[in-house]
Amino acid sequence: GGGGGGGACVNVHHNFCADIEWHGADGGAPDWSRSSRFVAFTLKDTARSEFLYVAFNARWEPADVRVPRADSCVWLRVADTALPPPHDFVPYNPPPAALTASGTYHMPDHSTVILCAAM
């Protein structure tokens, strides 16, 4: 039973098997302390070459977040809660993520971002 179709970025199917990797804002290990206000993770389905990056910035200030590499894929912006509707959620044919040359994405305070990449 598949899902997606119609230009969906990541197809959800009944036997999706993904590895999860946790990140901090700098792309390294996350800060699991009580005072931390940022966490991110990447889901990787290497069998299908699909990646999903989800970041939560609960800080009172913006964060320039280092997004991990997704092999030779391009990150696409599915959701960014800091953007006004209808640009905050684009599940079909999402635009490329606005990454800097160094691979960072600007997240305003109290925002969530979902990026996807697929070959």
Protein backbone atom coordinates (compact mmCIF):
# COMPACT_ATOMS: atom_id res chain seq x y z
CA GLY A 1 0.00 0.00 0.00
CA GLY A 2 1.73 3.17 -1.00
CA GLY A 3 1.18 6.74 -0.22
CA GLY A 4 2.30 10.01 -1.58
CA GLY A 5 2.09 10.26 -5.35
CA GLY A 6 1.35 13.54 -7.08
CA GLY A 7 4.83 14.92 -6.51
CA ALA A 8 5.07 14.05 -2.82
CA CYS A 9 8.58 14.44 -1.49
CA VAL A 10 8.78 11.35 0.70
CA ASN A 11 6.48 8.41 0.10
CA VAL A 12 5.09 6.86 3.26
CA HIS A 13 4.49 3.15 2.96
CA HIS A 14 3.66 0.34 5.36
CA ASN A 15 7.18 -1.09 5.59
CA PHE A 16 9.14 2.18 5.85
CA CYS A 17 12.38 1.35 7.64
CA ALA A 18 14.48 4.35 8.57
CA ASP A 19 17.52 5.11 10.68
CA ILE A 20 17.24 8.11 12.99
CA GLU A 21 20.11 10.45 13.77
CA TRP A 22 19.79 13.22 16.38
CA HIS A 23 21.44 16.66 15.94
CA GLY A 24 22.15 19.88 17.74
CA ALA A 25 21.97 23.27 16.02
CA ASP A 26 25.64 22.99 15.03
CA GLY A 27 25.02 19.65 13.31
CA GLY A 28 26.80 17.70 16.03
CA ALA A 29 25.35 15.80 18.95
CA PRO A 30 22.23 17.32 20.53
CA ASP A 31 22.23 18.98 23.93
CA TRP A 32 19.89 16.84 26.04
CA SER A 33 20.16 19.11 29.12
CA ARG A 34 17.06 20.68 30.70
CA SER A 35 18.15 24.13 29.54
CA SER A 36 18.44 23.14 25.88
CA ARG A 37 15.83 24.62 23.58
CA PHE A 38 16.84 23.06 20.26
CA VAL A 39 16.75 19.55 18.85
CA ALA A 40 16.69 18.06 15.36
CA PHE A 41 16.71 14.65 13.78
CA THR A 42 17.20 13.07 10.38
CA LEU A 43 15.29 10.01 9.24
CA LYS A 44 17.17 8.10 6.56
CA ASP A 45 15.67 5.39 4.41
CA THR A 46 18.86 4.41 2.61
CA ALA A 47 17.16 1.59 0.69
CA ARG A 48 14.99 4.20 -1.04
CA SER A 49 17.47 7.12 -0.81
CA GLU A 50 14.94 9.26 1.07
CA PHE A 51 15.77 11.67 3.88
CA LEU A 52 13.63 13.73 6.24
CA TYR A 53 15.13 16.45 8.48
CA VAL A 54 13.03 17.88 11.31
CA ALA A 55 14.24 20.71 13.58
CA PHE A 56 12.61 22.40 16.56
CA ASN A 57 13.90 25.79 17.76
CA ALA A 58 12.21 26.64 21.06
CA ARG A 59 14.81 29.29 21.86
CA TRP A 60 13.97 32.95 22.35
CA GLU A 61 16.46 33.80 19.61
CA PRO A 62 16.97 32.63 16.01
CA ALA A 63 19.37 29.83 15.13
CA ASP A 64 21.45 29.24 12.02
CA VAL A 65 21.20 25.47 11.87
CA ARG A 66 23.72 23.22 10.15
CA VAL A 67 21.70 20.79 8.02
CA PRO A 68 23.35 17.39 7.42
CA ARG A 69 24.30 16.28 3.94
CA ALA A 70 21.81 14.07 2.12
CA ASP A 71 24.17 12.27 -0.25
CA SER A 72 23.77 13.91 -3.66
CA CYS A 73 20.19 15.01 -2.97
CA VAL A 74 18.89 18.57 -2.66
CA TRP A 75 16.99 19.52 0.51
CA LEU A 76 13.43 20.75 -0.15
CA ARG A 77 11.37 22.81 2.31
CA VAL A 78 8.15 21.00 3.24
CA ALA A 79 7.32 23.09 6.31
CA ASP A 80 8.64 26.18 8.07
CA THR A 81 6.31 27.49 10.75
CA ALA A 82 7.99 30.93 10.62
CA LEU A 83 6.67 31.55 7.10
CA PRO A 84 3.20 32.98 6.43
CA PRO A 85 0.48 30.77 4.92
CA PRO A 86 0.39 29.23 2.36
CA HIS A 87 4.22 29.03 2.32
CA ASP A 88 4.48 27.51 5.81
CA PHE A 89 3.45 24.03 4.59
CA VAL A 90 4.05 22.80 1.03
CA PRO A 91 3.59 19.00 0.93
CA TYR A 92 3.56 18.64 -2.87
CA ASN A 93 6.34 19.95 -5.11
CA PRO A 94 8.09 21.81 -2.26
CA PRO A 95 10.65 24.51 -3.13
CA PRO A 96 14.38 24.09 -2.47
CA ALA A 97 15.40 24.92 1.09
CA ALA A 98 17.19 28.26 1.42
CA LEU A 99 20.53 26.87 2.61
CA THR A 100 23.62 29.02 2.77
CA ALA A 101 26.82 27.98 0.97
CA SER A 102 28.02 26.47 4.27
CA GLY A 103 24.87 24.33 4.57
CA THR A 104 22.97 26.26 7.23
CA TYR A 105 19.27 27.14 7.40
CA HIS A 106 18.04 30.21 9.30
CA MET A 107 15.34 29.37 11.87
CA PRO A 108 13.60 32.19 13.72
CA ASP A 109 12.83 31.69 17.40
CA HIS A 110 10.00 29.30 18.30
CA SER A 111 9.85 27.65 14.88
CA THR A 112 9.83 24.18 13.35
CA VAL A 113 11.29 23.16 9.99
CA ILE A 114 10.75 19.99 7.96
CA LEU A 115 13.02 19.37 4.98
CA CYS A 116 13.06 16.35 2.67
CA ALA A 117 15.39 14.97 0.05
CA ALA A 118 14.96 12.05 -2.32
CA MET A 119 16.79 10.71 -5.36
